[in-house]
Amino acid sequence: MDDANTEALIAQFGRRVTSQLAEPEQRATATRIFQQLAEREDPATARAWMIGMNPHLDDQAPILAIATGRGREAEAAARAYLDGQWT
């Protein structure tokens, strides 16, 4: 689990959560989504969004959705959030 995204994710979500992102692609997806959210909101809001229940993901936290292979769905949920489409 040594790639450029790992340390940044550990800093935001802790080692236990980050370890669930087993594949480099999952860590890259999580990093990309977090950065997009943090740019538009702030890091604290981005972190809360990533670990909170999400109605677009059947109430699964986006970080866990990414860990279970639902990265594209998590990206779509982030776009919906950033576009204000929380229906």
PDB file of N, CA and C in Angstrom:
ATOM      1  N   MET A   1       0.842  -1.185   0.000  1.00  0.00           N
ATOM      2  CA  MET A   1       0.000   0.000   0.000  1.00  0.00           C
ATOM      3  C   MET A   1       0.885   1.245   0.000  1.00  0.00           C
ATOM      4  N   ASP A   2       1.935   1.198  -0.782  1.00  0.00           N
ATOM      5  CA  ASP A   2       2.853   2.327  -0.885  1.00  0.00           C
ATOM      6  C   ASP A   2       2.649   3.051  -2.207  1.00  0.00           C
ATOM      7  N   ASP A   3       1.832   4.062  -2.204  1.00  0.00           N
ATOM      8  CA  ASP A   3       1.714   4.913  -3.385  1.00  0.00           C
ATOM      9  C   ASP A   3       1.505   6.344  -2.906  1.00  0.00           C
ATOM     10  N   ALA A   4       1.506   7.247  -3.831  1.00  0.00           N
ATOM     11  CA  ALA A   4       1.449   8.672  -3.483  1.00  0.00           C
ATOM     12  C   ALA A   4       0.166   9.048  -2.739  1.00  0.00           C
ATOM     13  N   ASN A   5      -0.911   8.320  -2.953  1.00  0.00           N
ATOM     14  CA  ASN A   5      -2.188   8.671  -2.334  1.00  0.00           C
ATOM     15  C   ASN A   5      -2.323   8.169  -0.908  1.00  0.00           C
ATOM     16  N   THR A   6      -1.562   7.152  -0.544  1.00  0.00           N
ATOM     17  CA  THR A   6      -1.762   6.487   0.735  1.00  0.00           C
ATOM     18  C   THR A   6      -1.570   7.408   1.930  1.00  0.00           C
ATOM     19  N   GLU A   7      -0.466   8.119   1.998  1.00  0.00           N
ATOM     20  CA  GLU A   7      -0.195   8.970   3.156  1.00  0.00           C
ATOM     21  C   GLU A   7      -1.237  10.066   3.312  1.00  0.00           C
ATOM     22  N   ALA A   8      -1.664  10.667   2.211  1.00  0.00           N
ATOM     23  CA  ALA A   8      -2.695  11.711   2.278  1.00  0.00           C
ATOM     24  C   ALA A   8      -4.014  11.133   2.790  1.00  0.00           C
ATOM     25  N   LEU A   9      -4.356   9.932   2.336  1.00  0.00           N
ATOM     26  CA  LEU A   9      -5.589   9.304   2.804  1.00  0.00           C
ATOM     27  C   LEU A   9      -5.498   8.932   4.278  1.00  0.00           C
ATOM     28  N   ILE A  10      -4.346   8.416   4.701  1.00  0.00           N
ATOM     29  CA  ILE A  10      -4.171   8.088   6.116  1.00  0.00           C
ATOM     30  C   ILE A  10      -4.337   9.340   6.970  1.00  0.00           C
ATOM     31  N   ALA A  11      -3.805  10.455   6.505  1.00  0.00           N
ATOM     32  CA  ALA A  11      -3.924  11.709   7.249  1.00  0.00           C
ATOM     33  C   ALA A  11      -5.381  12.131   7.401  1.00  0.00           C
ATOM     34  N   GLN A  12      -6.199  11.904   6.390  1.00  0.00           N
ATOM     35  CA  GLN A  12      -7.599  12.329   6.434  1.00  0.00           C
ATOM     36  C   GLN A  12      -8.513  11.319   7.118  1.00  0.00           C
ATOM     37  N   PHE A  13      -8.289  10.018   6.855  1.00  0.00           N
ATOM     38  CA  PHE A  13      -9.251   8.993   7.270  1.00  0.00           C
ATOM     39  C   PHE A  13      -8.703   7.966   8.248  1.00  0.00           C
ATOM     40  N   GLY A  14      -7.402   8.019   8.518  1.00  0.00           N
ATOM     41  CA  GLY A  14      -6.800   7.054   9.425  1.00  0.00           C
ATOM     42  C   GLY A  14      -6.339   5.800   8.699  1.00  0.00           C
ATOM     43  N   ARG A  15      -5.462   5.091   9.341  1.00  0.00           N
ATOM     44  CA  ARG A  15      -4.868   3.887   8.741  1.00  0.00           C
ATOM     45  C   ARG A  15      -5.910   2.777   8.564  1.00  0.00           C
ATOM     46  N   ARG A  16      -6.818   2.611   9.537  1.00  0.00           N
ATOM     47  CA  ARG A  16      -7.812   1.532   9.460  1.00  0.00           C
ATOM     48  C   ARG A  16      -8.725   1.686   8.247  1.00  0.00           C
ATOM     49  N   VAL A  17      -9.242   2.869   8.036  1.00  0.00           N
ATOM     50  CA  VAL A  17     -10.129   3.103   6.887  1.00  0.00           C
ATOM     51  C   VAL A  17      -9.335   2.999   5.598  1.00  0.00           C
ATOM     52  N   THR A  18      -8.184   3.620   5.550  1.00  0.00           N
ATOM     53  CA  THR A  18      -7.368   3.605   4.342  1.00  0.00           C
ATOM     54  C   THR A  18      -6.963   2.191   3.961  1.00  0.00           C
ATOM     55  N   SER A  19      -6.725   1.338   4.936  1.00  0.00           N
ATOM     56  CA  SER A  19      -6.318  -0.040   4.630  1.00  0.00           C
ATOM     57  C   SER A  19      -7.410  -0.808   3.900  1.00  0.00           C
ATOM     58  N   GLN A  20      -8.653  -0.353   3.989  1.00  0.00           N
ATOM     59  CA  GLN A  20      -9.748  -1.005   3.272  1.00  0.00           C
ATOM     60  C   GLN A  20      -9.693  -0.711   1.771  1.00  0.00           C
ATOM     61  N   LEU A  21      -8.960   0.330   1.401  1.00  0.00           N
ATOM     62  CA  LEU A  21      -8.776   0.671  -0.011  1.00  0.00           C
ATOM     63  C   LEU A  21      -7.555  -0.103  -0.511  1.00  0.00           C
ATOM     64  N   ALA A  22      -7.766  -1.359  -0.857  1.00  0.00           N
ATOM     65  CA  ALA A  22      -6.670  -2.287  -1.123  1.00  0.00           C
ATOM     66  C   ALA A  22      -5.948  -2.028  -2.444  1.00  0.00           C
ATOM     67  N   GLU A  23      -6.657  -1.513  -3.417  1.00  0.00           N
ATOM     68  CA  GLU A  23      -6.089  -1.337  -4.754  1.00  0.00           C
ATOM     69  C   GLU A  23      -5.659   0.112  -4.987  1.00  0.00           C
ATOM     70  N   PRO A  24      -4.571   0.318  -5.721  1.00  0.00           N
ATOM     71  CA  PRO A  24      -4.145   1.684  -6.043  1.00  0.00           C
ATOM     72  C   PRO A  24      -5.249   2.500  -6.717  1.00  0.00           C
ATOM     73  N   GLU A  25      -6.045   1.861  -7.553  1.00  0.00           N
ATOM     74  CA  GLU A  25      -7.161   2.546  -8.233  1.00  0.00           C
ATOM     75  C   GLU A  25      -8.174   3.064  -7.216  1.00  0.00           C
ATOM     76  N   GLN A  26      -8.445   2.290  -6.180  1.00  0.00           N
ATOM     77  CA  GLN A  26      -9.386   2.722  -5.143  1.00  0.00           C
ATOM     78  C   GLN A  26      -8.835   3.929  -4.391  1.00  0.00           C
ATOM     79  N   ARG A  27      -7.563   3.886  -4.070  1.00  0.00           N
ATOM     80  CA  ARG A  27      -6.949   5.021  -3.371  1.00  0.00           C
ATOM     81  C   ARG A  27      -6.924   6.261  -4.252  1.00  0.00           C
ATOM     82  N   ALA A  28      -6.681   6.061  -5.549  1.00  0.00           N
ATOM     83  CA  ALA A  28      -6.688   7.193  -6.481  1.00  0.00           C
ATOM     84  C   ALA A  28      -8.086   7.794  -6.589  1.00  0.00           C
ATOM     85  N   THR A  29      -9.106   6.950  -6.649  1.00  0.00           N
ATOM     86  CA  THR A  29     -10.488   7.429  -6.725  1.00  0.00           C
ATOM     87  C   THR A  29     -10.854   8.204  -5.471  1.00  0.00           C
ATOM     88  N   ALA A  30     -10.530   7.664  -4.311  1.00  0.00           N
ATOM     89  CA  ALA A  30     -10.836   8.339  -3.048  1.00  0.00           C
ATOM     90  C   ALA A  30     -10.124   9.682  -2.963  1.00  0.00           C
ATOM     91  N   THR A  31      -8.874   9.708  -3.381  1.00  0.00           N
ATOM     92  CA  THR A  31      -8.107  10.955  -3.352  1.00  0.00           C
ATOM     93  C   THR A  31      -8.714  11.986  -4.292  1.00  0.00           C
ATOM     94  N   ARG A  32      -9.069  11.548  -5.480  1.00  0.00           N
ATOM     95  CA  ARG A  32      -9.649  12.455  -6.483  1.00  0.00           C
ATOM     96  C   ARG A  32     -10.964  13.056  -5.980  1.00  0.00           C
ATOM     97  N   ILE A  33     -11.832  12.218  -5.445  1.00  0.00           N
ATOM     98  CA  ILE A  33     -13.116  12.713  -4.943  1.00  0.00           C
ATOM     99  C   ILE A  33     -12.900  13.668  -3.774  1.00  0.00           C
ATOM    100  N   PHE A  34     -12.041  13.278  -2.835  1.00  0.00           N
ATOM    101  CA  PHE A  34     -11.770  14.133  -1.685  1.00  0.00           C
ATOM    102  C   PHE A  34     -11.261  15.498  -2.135  1.00  0.00           C
ATOM    103  N   GLN A  35     -10.323  15.526  -3.058  1.00  0.00           N
ATOM    104  CA  GLN A  35      -9.754  16.794  -3.531  1.00  0.00           C
ATOM    105  C   GLN A  35     -10.809  17.657  -4.212  1.00  0.00           C
ATOM    106  N   GLN A  36     -11.676  17.042  -5.016  1.00  0.00           N
ATOM    107  CA  GLN A  36     -12.737  17.808  -5.675  1.00  0.00           C
ATOM    108  C   GLN A  36     -13.654  18.455  -4.638  1.00  0.00           C
ATOM    109  N   LEU A  37     -14.022  17.681  -3.633  1.00  0.00           N
ATOM    110  CA  LEU A  37     -14.898  18.216  -2.586  1.00  0.00           C
ATOM    111  C   LEU A  37     -14.199  19.300  -1.772  1.00  0.00           C
ATOM    112  N   ALA A  38     -12.951  19.060  -1.406  1.00  0.00           N
ATOM    113  CA  ALA A  38     -12.208  20.014  -0.577  1.00  0.00           C
ATOM    114  C   ALA A  38     -11.970  21.326  -1.303  1.00  0.00           C
ATOM    115  N   GLU A  39     -11.841  21.281  -2.622  1.00  0.00           N
ATOM    116  CA  GLU A  39     -11.661  22.514  -3.405  1.00  0.00           C
ATOM    117  C   GLU A  39     -12.920  23.368  -3.396  1.00  0.00           C
ATOM    118  N   ARG A  40     -14.078  22.737  -3.448  1.00  0.00           N
ATOM    119  CA  ARG A  40     -15.339  23.474  -3.501  1.00  0.00           C
ATOM    120  C   ARG A  40     -15.897  23.801  -2.124  1.00  0.00           C
ATOM    121  N   GLU A  41     -15.621  22.964  -1.160  1.00  0.00           N
ATOM    122  CA  GLU A  41     -16.118  23.159   0.205  1.00  0.00           C
ATOM    123  C   GLU A  41     -14.924  23.493   1.089  1.00  0.00           C
ATOM    124  N   ASP A  42     -14.548  22.579   1.933  1.00  0.00           N
ATOM    125  CA  ASP A  42     -13.330  22.675   2.730  1.00  0.00           C
ATOM    126  C   ASP A  42     -12.965  21.250   3.140  1.00  0.00           C
ATOM    127  N   PRO A  43     -11.745  21.020   3.611  1.00  0.00           N
ATOM    128  CA  PRO A  43     -11.333  19.647   3.937  1.00  0.00           C
ATOM    129  C   PRO A  43     -12.224  18.959   4.988  1.00  0.00           C
ATOM    130  N   ALA A  44     -12.686  19.693   5.987  1.00  0.00           N
ATOM    131  CA  ALA A  44     -13.527  19.087   7.021  1.00  0.00           C
ATOM    132  C   ALA A  44     -14.861  18.615   6.433  1.00  0.00           C
ATOM    133  N   THR A  45     -15.457  19.418   5.575  1.00  0.00           N
ATOM    134  CA  THR A  45     -16.708  19.027   4.932  1.00  0.00           C
ATOM    135  C   THR A  45     -16.482  17.855   3.992  1.00  0.00           C
ATOM    136  N   ALA A  46     -15.385  17.883   3.251  1.00  0.00           N
ATOM    137  CA  ALA A  46     -15.058  16.780   2.339  1.00  0.00           C
ATOM    138  C   ALA A  46     -14.888  15.481   3.119  1.00  0.00           C
ATOM    139  N   ARG A  47     -14.200  15.544   4.246  1.00  0.00           N
ATOM    140  CA  ARG A  47     -13.992  14.354   5.060  1.00  0.00           C
ATOM    141  C   ARG A  47     -15.328  13.826   5.572  1.00  0.00           C
ATOM    142  N   ALA A  48     -16.163  14.715   6.084  1.00  0.00           N
ATOM    143  CA  ALA A  48     -17.469  14.306   6.599  1.00  0.00           C
ATOM    144  C   ALA A  48     -18.308  13.673   5.497  1.00  0.00           C
ATOM    145  N   TRP A  49     -18.257  14.227   4.299  1.00  0.00           N
ATOM    146  CA  TRP A  49     -19.013  13.669   3.180  1.00  0.00           C
ATOM    147  C   TRP A  49     -18.506  12.270   2.846  1.00  0.00           C
ATOM    148  N   MET A  50     -17.214  12.096   2.855  1.00  0.00           N
ATOM    149  CA  MET A  50     -16.617  10.804   2.481  1.00  0.00           C
ATOM    150  C   MET A  50     -16.936   9.692   3.472  1.00  0.00           C
ATOM    151  N   ILE A  51     -17.121  10.022   4.762  1.00  0.00           N
ATOM    152  CA  ILE A  51     -17.340   8.979   5.764  1.00  0.00           C
ATOM    153  C   ILE A  51     -18.791   8.886   6.233  1.00  0.00           C
ATOM    154  N   GLY A  52     -19.627   9.806   5.760  1.00  0.00           N
ATOM    155  CA  GLY A  52     -21.022   9.809   6.187  1.00  0.00           C
ATOM    156  C   GLY A  52     -21.913   8.947   5.309  1.00  0.00           C
ATOM    157  N   MET A  53     -23.067   8.604   5.848  1.00  0.00           N
ATOM    158  CA  MET A  53     -24.046   7.854   5.061  1.00  0.00           C
ATOM    159  C   MET A  53     -24.474   8.692   3.870  1.00  0.00           C
ATOM    160  N   ASN A  54     -24.657   8.022   2.733  1.00  0.00           N
ATOM    161  CA  ASN A  54     -24.968   8.739   1.501  1.00  0.00           C
ATOM    162  C   ASN A  54     -26.197   8.127   0.834  1.00  0.00           C
ATOM    163  N   PRO A  55     -27.269   8.911   0.656  1.00  0.00           N
ATOM    164  CA  PRO A  55     -28.486   8.366   0.053  1.00  0.00           C
ATOM    165  C   PRO A  55     -28.289   7.897  -1.390  1.00  0.00           C
ATOM    166  N   HIS A  56     -27.334   8.462  -2.104  1.00  0.00           N
ATOM    167  CA  HIS A  56     -27.077   8.034  -3.477  1.00  0.00           C
ATOM    168  C   HIS A  56     -26.367   6.689  -3.529  1.00  0.00           C
ATOM    169  N   LEU A  57     -25.865   6.237  -2.387  1.00  0.00           N
ATOM    170  CA  LEU A  57     -25.127   4.977  -2.316  1.00  0.00           C
ATOM    171  C   LEU A  57     -25.818   4.009  -1.351  1.00  0.00           C
ATOM    172  N   ASP A  58     -27.141   4.071  -1.305  1.00  0.00           N
ATOM    173  CA  ASP A  58     -27.926   3.215  -0.412  1.00  0.00           C
ATOM    174  C   ASP A  58     -27.463   3.343   1.035  1.00  0.00           C
ATOM    175  N   ASP A  59     -27.192   4.561   1.451  1.00  0.00           N
ATOM    176  CA  ASP A  59     -26.758   4.906   2.801  1.00  0.00           C
ATOM    177  C   ASP A  59     -25.403   4.323   3.193  1.00  0.00           C
ATOM    178  N   GLN A  60     -24.610   3.960   2.217  1.00  0.00           N
ATOM    179  CA  GLN A  60     -23.235   3.533   2.486  1.00  0.00           C
ATOM    180  C   GLN A  60     -22.319   4.752   2.379  1.00  0.00           C
ATOM    181  N   ALA A  61     -21.308   4.797   3.221  1.00  0.00           N
ATOM    182  CA  ALA A  61     -20.337   5.896   3.153  1.00  0.00           C
ATOM    183  C   ALA A  61     -19.552   5.794   1.849  1.00  0.00           C
ATOM    184  N   PRO A  62     -19.314   6.913   1.164  1.00  0.00           N
ATOM    185  CA  PRO A  62     -18.576   6.877  -0.096  1.00  0.00           C
ATOM    186  C   PRO A  62     -17.218   6.177   0.011  1.00  0.00           C
ATOM    187  N   ILE A  63     -16.481   6.398   1.080  1.00  0.00           N
ATOM    188  CA  ILE A  63     -15.168   5.763   1.212  1.00  0.00           C
ATOM    189  C   ILE A  63     -15.318   4.240   1.244  1.00  0.00           C
ATOM    190  N   LEU A  64     -16.370   3.736   1.873  1.00  0.00           N
ATOM    191  CA  LEU A  64     -16.609   2.291   1.909  1.00  0.00           C
ATOM    192  C   LEU A  64     -17.155   1.786   0.580  1.00  0.00           C
ATOM    193  N   ALA A  65     -17.939   2.612  -0.090  1.00  0.00           N
ATOM    194  CA  ALA A  65     -18.421   2.228  -1.418  1.00  0.00           C
ATOM    195  C   ALA A  65     -17.236   2.037  -2.372  1.00  0.00           C
ATOM    196  N   ILE A  66     -16.281   2.924  -2.297  1.00  0.00           N
ATOM    197  CA  ILE A  66     -15.080   2.814  -3.128  1.00  0.00           C
ATOM    198  C   ILE A  66     -14.355   1.511  -2.792  1.00  0.00           C
ATOM    199  N   ALA A  67     -14.247   1.199  -1.512  1.00  0.00           N
ATOM    200  CA  ALA A  67     -13.546  -0.018  -1.070  1.00  0.00           C
ATOM    201  C   ALA A  67     -14.228  -1.286  -1.539  1.00  0.00           C
ATOM    202  N   THR A  68     -15.528  -1.212  -1.803  1.00  0.00           N
ATOM    203  CA  THR A  68     -16.257  -2.397  -2.245  1.00  0.00           C
ATOM    204  C   THR A  68     -16.510  -2.407  -3.751  1.00  0.00           C
ATOM    205  N   GLY A  69     -15.742  -1.599  -4.469  1.00  0.00           N
ATOM    206  CA  GLY A  69     -15.823  -1.631  -5.927  1.00  0.00           C
ATOM    207  C   GLY A  69     -16.860  -0.712  -6.542  1.00  0.00           C
ATOM    208  N   ARG A  70     -17.371   0.226  -5.777  1.00  0.00           N
ATOM    209  CA  ARG A  70     -18.397   1.130  -6.292  1.00  0.00           C
ATOM    210  C   ARG A  70     -17.847   2.541  -6.499  1.00  0.00           C
ATOM    211  N   GLY A  71     -16.603   2.615  -6.967  1.00  0.00           N
ATOM    212  CA  GLY A  71     -15.958   3.902  -7.164  1.00  0.00           C
ATOM    213  C   GLY A  71     -16.682   4.812  -8.130  1.00  0.00           C
ATOM    214  N   ARG A  72     -17.158   4.259  -9.228  1.00  0.00           N
ATOM    215  CA  ARG A  72     -17.880   5.093 -10.197  1.00  0.00           C
ATOM    216  C   ARG A  72     -19.163   5.662  -9.605  1.00  0.00           C
ATOM    217  N   GLU A  73     -19.839   4.852  -8.805  1.00  0.00           N
ATOM    218  CA  GLU A  73     -21.055   5.335  -8.153  1.00  0.00           C
ATOM    219  C   GLU A  73     -20.720   6.431  -7.140  1.00  0.00           C
ATOM    220  N   ALA A  74     -19.604   6.275  -6.431  1.00  0.00           N
ATOM    221  CA  ALA A  74     -19.181   7.305  -5.474  1.00  0.00           C
ATOM    222  C   ALA A  74     -18.835   8.600  -6.208  1.00  0.00           C
ATOM    223  N   GLU A  75     -18.194   8.488  -7.355  1.00  0.00           N
ATOM    224  CA  GLU A  75     -17.890   9.683  -8.153  1.00  0.00           C
ATOM    225  C   GLU A  75     -19.179  10.360  -8.612  1.00  0.00           C
ATOM    226  N   ALA A  76     -20.162   9.571  -9.028  1.00  0.00           N
ATOM    227  CA  ALA A  76     -21.445  10.139  -9.449  1.00  0.00           C
ATOM    228  C   ALA A  76     -22.141  10.822  -8.268  1.00  0.00           C
ATOM    229  N   ALA A  77     -22.062  10.232  -7.091  1.00  0.00           N
ATOM    230  CA  ALA A  77     -22.657  10.839  -5.898  1.00  0.00           C
ATOM    231  C   ALA A  77     -21.963  12.156  -5.566  1.00  0.00           C
ATOM    232  N   ALA A  78     -20.646  12.197  -5.720  1.00  0.00           N
ATOM    233  CA  ALA A  78     -19.914  13.444  -5.463  1.00  0.00           C
ATOM    234  C   ALA A  78     -20.322  14.523  -6.461  1.00  0.00           C
ATOM    235  N   ARG A  79     -20.471  14.146  -7.726  1.00  0.00           N
ATOM    236  CA  ARG A  79     -20.922  15.120  -8.736  1.00  0.00           C
ATOM    237  C   ARG A  79     -22.309  15.642  -8.374  1.00  0.00           C
ATOM    238  N   ALA A  80     -23.193  14.740  -7.958  1.00  0.00           N
ATOM    239  CA  ALA A  80     -24.547  15.158  -7.576  1.00  0.00           C
ATOM    240  C   ALA A  80     -24.502  16.126  -6.401  1.00  0.00           C
ATOM    241  N   TYR A  81     -23.666  15.842  -5.429  1.00  0.00           N
ATOM    242  CA  TYR A  81     -23.514  16.737  -4.277  1.00  0.00           C
ATOM    243  C   TYR A  81     -23.002  18.105  -4.715  1.00  0.00           C
ATOM    244  N   LEU A  82     -21.943  18.096  -5.502  1.00  0.00           N
ATOM    245  CA  LEU A  82     -21.345  19.371  -5.946  1.00  0.00           C
ATOM    246  C   LEU A  82     -22.278  20.156  -6.858  1.00  0.00           C
ATOM    247  N   ASP A  83     -23.135  19.457  -7.586  1.00  0.00           N
ATOM    248  CA  ASP A  83     -24.096  20.127  -8.466  1.00  0.00           C
ATOM    249  C   ASP A  83     -25.380  20.502  -7.729  1.00  0.00           C
ATOM    250  N   GLY A  84     -25.483  20.141  -6.443  1.00  0.00           N
ATOM    251  CA  GLY A  84     -26.672  20.474  -5.663  1.00  0.00           C
ATOM    252  C   GLY A  84     -27.862  19.612  -5.966  1.00  0.00           C
ATOM    253  N   GLN A  85     -27.634  18.412  -6.437  1.00  0.00           N
ATOM    254  CA  GLN A  85     -28.727  17.511  -6.841  1.00  0.00           C
ATOM    255  C   GLN A  85     -28.962  16.448  -5.780  1.00  0.00           C
ATOM    256  N   TRP A  86     -29.454  16.874  -4.632  1.00  0.00           N
ATOM    257  CA  TRP A  86     -29.740  15.937  -3.541  1.00  0.00           C
ATOM    258  C   TRP A  86     -31.219  15.685  -3.446  1.00  0.00           C
ATOM    259  N   THR A  87     -31.768  15.001  -4.427  1.00  0.00           N
ATOM    260  CA  THR A  87     -33.211  14.721  -4.407  1.00  0.00           C
ATOM    261  C   THR A  87     -33.498  13.327  -3.981  1.00  0.00           C
TER     262      THR A  87
END
